[in-house]
PDB file of all heavy atoms in Angstrom:
ATOM      1  N   ALA A   1      92.384  99.773  93.061  1.00  0.00           N
ATOM      2  CA  ALA A   1      91.120  99.428  93.707  1.00  0.00           C
ATOM      3  C   ALA A   1      91.351  98.677  95.009  1.00  0.00           C
ATOM      4  O   ALA A   1      90.682  98.934  96.011  1.00  0.00           O
ATOM      5  CB  ALA A   1      90.269  98.587  92.748  1.00  0.00           C
ATOM      6  N   ARG A   2      92.311  97.720  94.992  1.00  0.00           N
ATOM      7  CA  ARG A   2      92.615  96.986  96.223  1.00  0.00           C
ATOM      8  C   ARG A   2      93.126  97.919  97.301  1.00  0.00           C
ATOM      9  O   ARG A   2      92.769  97.792  98.481  1.00  0.00           O
ATOM     10  CB  ARG A   2      93.653  95.895  95.934  1.00  0.00           C
ATOM     11  CG  ARG A   2      93.098  94.718  95.142  1.00  0.00           C
ATOM     12  CD  ARG A   2      94.045  93.527  95.243  1.00  0.00           C
ATOM     13  NE  ARG A   2      95.373  93.865  94.754  1.00  0.00           N
ATOM     14  CZ  ARG A   2      95.768  93.678  93.499  1.00  0.00           C
ATOM     15  NH1 ARG A   2      94.914  93.200  92.593  1.00  0.00           N
ATOM     16  NH2 ARG A   2      97.002  93.980  93.124  1.00  0.00           N
ATOM     17  N   THR A   3      93.964  98.875  96.904  1.00  0.00           N
ATOM     18  CA  THR A   3      94.502  99.829  97.870  1.00  0.00           C
ATOM     19  C   THR A   3      93.386 100.669  98.488  1.00  0.00           C
ATOM     20  O   THR A   3      93.341 100.904  99.698  1.00  0.00           O
ATOM     21  CB  THR A   3      95.540 100.734  97.197  1.00  0.00           C
ATOM     22  OG1 THR A   3      96.566  99.930  96.627  1.00  0.00           O
ATOM     23  CG2 THR A   3      96.151 101.693  98.192  1.00  0.00           C
ATOM     24  N   ARG A   4      92.448 101.117  97.635  1.00  0.00           N
ATOM     25  CA  ARG A   4      91.346 101.937  98.134  1.00  0.00           C
ATOM     26  C   ARG A   4      90.457 101.135  99.079  1.00  0.00           C
ATOM     27  O   ARG A   4      90.004 101.647 100.104  1.00  0.00           O
ATOM     28  CB  ARG A   4      90.536 102.474  96.963  1.00  0.00           C
ATOM     29  CG  ARG A   4      91.254 103.564  96.169  1.00  0.00           C
ATOM     30  CD  ARG A   4      90.425 103.991  94.980  1.00  0.00           C
ATOM     31  NE  ARG A   4      91.081 105.078  94.254  1.00  0.00           N
ATOM     32  CZ  ARG A   4      90.649 105.560  93.083  1.00  0.00           C
ATOM     33  NH1 ARG A   4      89.552 105.044  92.534  1.00  0.00           N
ATOM     34  NH2 ARG A   4      91.307 106.529  92.482  1.00  0.00           N
ATOM     35  N   ARG A   5      90.174  99.881  98.710  1.00  0.00           N
ATOM     36  CA  ARG A   5      89.326  99.056  99.579  1.00  0.00           C
ATOM     37  C   ARG A   5      89.970  98.847 100.946  1.00  0.00           C
ATOM     38  O   ARG A   5      89.313  98.919 101.978  1.00  0.00           O
ATOM     39  CB  ARG A   5      89.042  97.711  98.909  1.00  0.00           C
ATOM     40  CG  ARG A   5      87.995  97.781  97.801  1.00  0.00           C
ATOM     41  CD  ARG A   5      87.466  96.387  97.490  1.00  0.00           C
ATOM     42  NE  ARG A   5      88.513  95.523  96.995  1.00  0.00           N
ATOM     43  CZ  ARG A   5      88.839  95.404  95.709  1.00  0.00           C
ATOM     44  NH1 ARG A   5      88.173  96.110  94.799  1.00  0.00           N
ATOM     45  NH2 ARG A   5      89.787  94.575  95.337  1.00  0.00           N
ATOM     46  N   SER A   6      91.276  98.580 100.952  1.00  0.00           N
ATOM     47  CA  SER A   6      91.957  98.364 102.233  1.00  0.00           C
ATOM     48  C   SER A   6      91.957  99.629 103.070  1.00  0.00           C
ATOM     49  O   SER A   6      91.804  99.578 104.295  1.00  0.00           O
ATOM     50  CB  SER A   6      93.390  97.889 101.981  1.00  0.00           C
ATOM     51  OG  SER A   6      94.144  98.885 101.304  1.00  0.00           O
ATOM     52  N   VAL A   7      92.099 100.786 102.408  1.00  0.00           N
ATOM     53  CA  VAL A   7      92.052 102.051 103.141  1.00  0.00           C
ATOM     54  C   VAL A   7      90.669 102.265 103.737  1.00  0.00           C
ATOM     55  O   VAL A   7      90.517 102.688 104.888  1.00  0.00           O
ATOM     56  CB  VAL A   7      92.440 103.218 102.218  1.00  0.00           C
ATOM     57  CG1 VAL A   7      92.170 104.563 102.902  1.00  0.00           C
ATOM     58  CG2 VAL A   7      93.914 103.128 101.836  1.00  0.00           C
ATOM     59  N   ASP A   8      89.612 101.973 102.946  1.00  0.00           N
ATOM     60  CA  ASP A   8      88.247 102.161 103.433  1.00  0.00           C
ATOM     61  C   ASP A   8      87.960 101.235 104.613  1.00  0.00           C
ATOM     62  O   ASP A   8      87.294 101.625 105.572  1.00  0.00           O
ATOM     63  CB  ASP A   8      87.254 101.882 102.298  1.00  0.00           C
ATOM     64  CG  ASP A   8      87.333 102.947 101.209  1.00  0.00           C
ATOM     65  OD1 ASP A   8      87.862 104.029 101.503  1.00  0.00           O
ATOM     66  OD2 ASP A   8      86.880 102.673 100.078  1.00  0.00           O
ATOM     67  N   VAL A   9      88.416  99.996 104.547  1.00  0.00           N
ATOM     68  CA  VAL A   9      88.184  99.048 105.634  1.00  0.00           C
ATOM     69  C   VAL A   9      88.842  99.541 106.915  1.00  0.00           C
ATOM     70  O   VAL A   9      88.239  99.511 107.995  1.00  0.00           O
ATOM     71  CB  VAL A   9      88.701  97.653 105.252  1.00  0.00           C
ATOM     72  CG1 VAL A   9      88.721  96.732 106.461  1.00  0.00           C
ATOM     73  CG2 VAL A   9      87.834  97.048 104.151  1.00  0.00           C
ATOM     74  N   ARG A  10      90.104 100.020 106.770  1.00  0.00           N
ATOM     75  CA  ARG A  10      90.787 100.523 107.979  1.00  0.00           C
ATOM     76  C   ARG A  10      90.087 101.760 108.525  1.00  0.00           C
ATOM     77  O   ARG A  10      89.987 101.949 109.735  1.00  0.00           O
ATOM     78  CB  ARG A  10      92.248 100.826 107.641  1.00  0.00           C
ATOM     79  CG  ARG A  10      93.094  99.590 107.401  1.00  0.00           C
ATOM     80  CD  ARG A  10      94.568  99.940 107.451  1.00  0.00           C
ATOM     81  NE  ARG A  10      94.931 100.866 106.377  1.00  0.00           N
ATOM     82  CZ  ARG A  10      95.374 100.479 105.187  1.00  0.00           C
ATOM     83  NH1 ARG A  10      95.469  99.179 104.891  1.00  0.00           N
ATOM     84  NH2 ARG A  10      95.704 101.366 104.260  1.00  0.00           N
ATOM     85  N   ALA A  11      89.603 102.622 107.627  1.00  0.00           N
ATOM     86  CA  ALA A  11      88.928 103.843 108.090  1.00  0.00           C
ATOM     87  C   ALA A  11      87.643 103.507 108.840  1.00  0.00           C
ATOM     88  O   ALA A  11      87.342 104.093 109.886  1.00  0.00           O
ATOM     89  CB  ALA A  11      88.631 104.745 106.888  1.00  0.00           C
ATOM     90  N   ARG A  12      86.867 102.544 108.296  1.00  0.00           N
ATOM     91  CA  ARG A  12      85.619 102.172 108.979  1.00  0.00           C
ATOM     92  C   ARG A  12      85.913 101.527 110.329  1.00  0.00           C
ATOM     93  O   ARG A  12      85.184 101.734 111.303  1.00  0.00           O
ATOM     94  CB  ARG A  12      84.825 101.213 108.088  1.00  0.00           C
ATOM     95  CG  ARG A  12      84.167 101.905 106.888  1.00  0.00           C
ATOM     96  CD  ARG A  12      83.105 101.002 106.277  1.00  0.00           C
ATOM     97  NE  ARG A  12      83.697  99.792 105.716  1.00  0.00           N
ATOM     98  CZ  ARG A  12      84.108  99.674 104.463  1.00  0.00           C
ATOM     99  NH1 ARG A  12      83.993 100.709 103.630  1.00  0.00           N
ATOM    100  NH2 ARG A  12      84.613  98.535 104.034  1.00  0.00           N
ATOM    101  N   ALA A  13      86.990 100.742 110.410  1.00  0.00           N
ATOM    102  CA  ALA A  13      87.344 100.111 111.688  1.00  0.00           C
ATOM    103  C   ALA A  13      87.699 101.165 112.723  1.00  0.00           C
ATOM    104  O   ALA A  13      87.317 101.058 113.903  1.00  0.00           O
ATOM    105  CB  ALA A  13      88.495  99.136 111.481  1.00  0.00           C
ATOM    106  N   ARG A  14      88.444 102.200 112.286  1.00  0.00           N
ATOM    107  CA  ARG A  14      88.812 103.277 113.220  1.00  0.00           C
ATOM    108  C   ARG A  14      87.578 104.027 113.696  1.00  0.00           C
ATOM    109  O   ARG A  14      87.477 104.416 114.870  1.00  0.00           O
ATOM    110  CB  ARG A  14      89.799 104.236 112.562  1.00  0.00           C
ATOM    111  CG  ARG A  14      91.218 103.695 112.460  1.00  0.00           C
ATOM    112  CD  ARG A  14      92.193 104.816 112.149  1.00  0.00           C
ATOM    113  NE  ARG A  14      91.926 105.398 110.845  1.00  0.00           N
ATOM    114  CZ  ARG A  14      92.492 105.003 109.714  1.00  0.00           C
ATOM    115  NH1 ARG A  14      93.353 103.978 109.728  1.00  0.00           N
ATOM    116  NH2 ARG A  14      92.198 105.593 108.569  1.00  0.00           N
ATOM    117  N   GLN A  15      86.613 104.257 112.786  1.00  0.00           N
ATOM    118  CA  GLN A  15      85.395 104.960 113.177  1.00  0.00           C
ATOM    119  C   GLN A  15      84.598 104.163 114.209  1.00  0.00           C
ATOM    120  O   GLN A  15      84.064 104.723 115.180  1.00  0.00           O
ATOM    121  CB  GLN A  15      84.540 105.235 111.935  1.00  0.00           C
ATOM    122  CG  GLN A  15      85.139 106.270 111.002  1.00  0.00           C
ATOM    123  CD  GLN A  15      84.333 106.421 109.731  1.00  0.00           C
ATOM    124  OE1 GLN A  15      83.342 105.714 109.527  1.00  0.00           O
ATOM    125  NE2 GLN A  15      84.759 107.336 108.873  1.00  0.00           N
ATOM    126  N   ARG A  16      84.474 102.843 113.994  1.00  0.00           N
ATOM    127  CA  ARG A  16      83.747 102.022 114.961  1.00  0.00           C
ATOM    128  C   ARG A  16      84.430 102.046 116.320  1.00  0.00           C
ATOM    129  O   ARG A  16      83.772 102.122 117.364  1.00  0.00           O
ATOM    130  CB  ARG A  16      83.645 100.584 114.443  1.00  0.00           C
ATOM    131  CG  ARG A  16      82.673 100.418 113.262  1.00  0.00           C
ATOM    132  CD  ARG A  16      82.335  98.937 113.055  1.00  0.00           C
ATOM    133  NE  ARG A  16      83.516  98.177 112.705  1.00  0.00           N
ATOM    134  CZ  ARG A  16      83.926  97.960 111.449  1.00  0.00           C
ATOM    135  NH1 ARG A  16      83.237  98.467 110.439  1.00  0.00           N
ATOM    136  NH2 ARG A  16      85.001  97.239 111.218  1.00  0.00           N
ATOM    137  N   TRP A  17      85.760 101.986 116.309  1.00  0.00           N
ATOM    138  CA  TRP A  17      86.497 102.003 117.585  1.00  0.00           C
ATOM    139  C   TRP A  17      86.291 103.317 118.311  1.00  0.00           C
ATOM    140  O   TRP A  17      86.124 103.349 119.532  1.00  0.00           O
ATOM    141  CB  TRP A  17      87.975 101.769 117.297  1.00  0.00           C
ATOM    142  CG  TRP A  17      88.805 101.758 118.543  1.00  0.00           C
ATOM    143  CD1 TRP A  17      89.016 100.736 119.392  1.00  0.00           C
ATOM    144  CD2 TRP A  17      89.531 102.869 119.075  1.00  0.00           C
ATOM    145  NE1 TRP A  17      89.829 101.100 120.428  1.00  0.00           N
ATOM    146  CE2 TRP A  17      90.162 102.423 120.263  1.00  0.00           C
ATOM    147  CE3 TRP A  17      89.705 104.192 118.687  1.00  0.00           C
ATOM    148  CZ2 TRP A  17      90.961 103.251 121.029  1.00  0.00           C
ATOM    149  CZ3 TRP A  17      90.496 105.022 119.453  1.00  0.00           C
ATOM    150  CH2 TRP A  17      91.120 104.548 120.617  1.00  0.00           C
ATOM    151  N   ARG A  18      86.277 104.432 117.571  1.00  0.00           N
ATOM    152  CA  ARG A  18      86.075 105.744 118.205  1.00  0.00           C
ATOM    153  C   ARG A  18      84.681 105.850 118.811  1.00  0.00           C
ATOM    154  O   ARG A  18      84.495 106.402 119.897  1.00  0.00           O
ATOM    155  CB  ARG A  18      86.295 106.850 117.177  1.00  0.00           C
ATOM    156  CG  ARG A  18      87.759 107.035 116.796  1.00  0.00           C
ATOM    157  CD  ARG A  18      87.880 107.958 115.602  1.00  0.00           C
ATOM    158  NE  ARG A  18      89.274 108.105 115.188  1.00  0.00           N
ATOM    159  CZ  ARG A  18      89.645 108.601 114.021  1.00  0.00           C
ATOM    160  NH1 ARG A  18      88.721 108.995 113.150  1.00  0.00           N
ATOM    161  NH2 ARG A  18      90.923 108.696 113.724  1.00  0.00           N
ATOM    162  N   ARG A  19      83.679 105.353 118.079  1.00  0.00           N
ATOM    163  CA  ARG A  19      82.312 105.448 118.613  1.00  0.00           C
ATOM    164  C   ARG A  19      82.157 104.637 119.905  1.00  0.00           C
ATOM    165  O   ARG A  19      81.476 105.041 120.834  1.00  0.00           O
ATOM    166  CB  ARG A  19      81.318 104.948 117.559  1.00  0.00           C
ATOM    167  CG  ARG A  19      81.088 105.937 116.423  1.00  0.00           C
ATOM    168  CD  ARG A  19      79.806 105.599 115.683  1.00  0.00           C
ATOM    169  NE  ARG A  19      79.890 104.275 115.068  1.00  0.00           N
ATOM    170  CZ  ARG A  19      80.307 104.063 113.817  1.00  0.00           C
ATOM    171  NH1 ARG A  19      80.687 105.090 113.063  1.00  0.00           N
ATOM    172  NH2 ARG A  19      80.340 102.841 113.329  1.00  0.00           N
ATOM    173  N   ARG A  20      82.828 103.497 119.947  1.00  0.00           N
ATOM    174  CA  ARG A  20      82.720 102.657 121.142  1.00  0.00           C
ATOM    175  C   ARG A  20      83.475 103.238 122.335  1.00  0.00           C
ATOM    176  O   ARG A  20      83.126 102.994 123.485  1.00  0.00           O
ATOM    177  CB  ARG A  20      83.245 101.257 120.865  1.00  0.00           C
ATOM    178  CG  ARG A  20      82.377 100.483 119.882  1.00  0.00           C
ATOM    179  CD  ARG A  20      83.060  99.193 119.482  1.00  0.00           C
ATOM    180  NE  ARG A  20      82.259  98.452 118.514  1.00  0.00           N
ATOM    181  CZ  ARG A  20      82.687  97.349 117.884  1.00  0.00           C
ATOM    182  NH1 ARG A  20      83.912  96.885 118.149  1.00  0.00           N
ATOM    183  NH2 ARG A  20      81.909  96.739 117.024  1.00  0.00           N
ATOM    184  N   SER A  21      84.521 103.994 122.052  1.00  0.00           N
ATOM    185  CA  SER A  21      85.374 104.464 123.145  1.00  0.00           C
ATOM    186  C   SER A  21      85.054 105.870 123.615  1.00  0.00           C
ATOM    187  O   SER A  21      85.615 106.325 124.607  1.00  0.00           O
ATOM    188  CB  SER A  21      86.850 104.409 122.711  1.00  0.00           C
ATOM    189  OG  SER A  21      87.062 105.226 121.572  1.00  0.00           O
ATOM    190  N   THR A  22      84.163 106.599 122.932  1.00  0.00           N
ATOM    191  CA  THR A  22      83.861 107.967 123.356  1.00  0.00           C
ATOM    192  C   THR A  22      82.941 107.952 124.563  1.00  0.00           C
ATOM    193  O   THR A  22      82.072 107.077 124.700  1.00  0.00           O
ATOM    194  CB  THR A  22      83.188 108.744 122.215  1.00  0.00           C
ATOM    195  OG1 THR A  22      82.059 107.989 121.756  1.00  0.00           O
ATOM    196  CG2 THR A  22      84.153 108.977 121.072  1.00  0.00           C
ATOM    197  N   PRO A  23      83.051 108.952 125.501  1.00  0.00           N
ATOM    198  CA  PRO A  23      82.185 109.006 126.705  1.00  0.00           C
ATOM    199  C   PRO A  23      80.716 109.090 126.372  1.00  0.00           C
ATOM    200  O   PRO A  23      79.870 108.539 127.061  1.00  0.00           O
ATOM    201  CB  PRO A  23      82.672 110.252 127.440  1.00  0.00           C
ATOM    202  CG  PRO A  23      84.076 110.452 126.936  1.00  0.00           C
ATOM    203  CD  PRO A  23      84.080 109.983 125.517  1.00  0.00           C
ATOM    204  N   SER A  24      80.350 109.814 125.292  1.00  0.00           N
ATOM    205  CA  SER A  24      78.945 109.988 124.956  1.00  0.00           C
ATOM    206  C   SER A  24      78.291 108.658 124.635  1.00  0.00           C
ATOM    207  O   SER A  24      77.146 108.397 125.008  1.00  0.00           O
ATOM    208  CB  SER A  24      78.793 110.935 123.767  1.00  0.00           C
ATOM    209  OG  SER A  24      79.507 110.419 122.658  1.00  0.00           O
ATOM    210  N   SER A  25      79.034 107.818 123.954  1.00  0.00           N
ATOM    211  CA  SER A  25      78.464 106.518 123.609  1.00  0.00           C
ATOM    212  C   SER A  25      78.304 105.646 124.848  1.00  0.00           C
ATOM    213  O   SER A  25      77.397 104.836 124.942  1.00  0.00           O
ATOM    214  CB  SER A  25      79.351 105.803 122.575  1.00  0.00           C
ATOM    215  OG  SER A  25      80.643 105.563 123.109  1.00  0.00           O
TER     216      SER A  25
END
């Protein structure tokens, strides 16, 4: 469970970074 939570946190962080850095945004 801890491993899954850490993976989910990293995945959400990457998604937020992509949304902020894309030209459309």
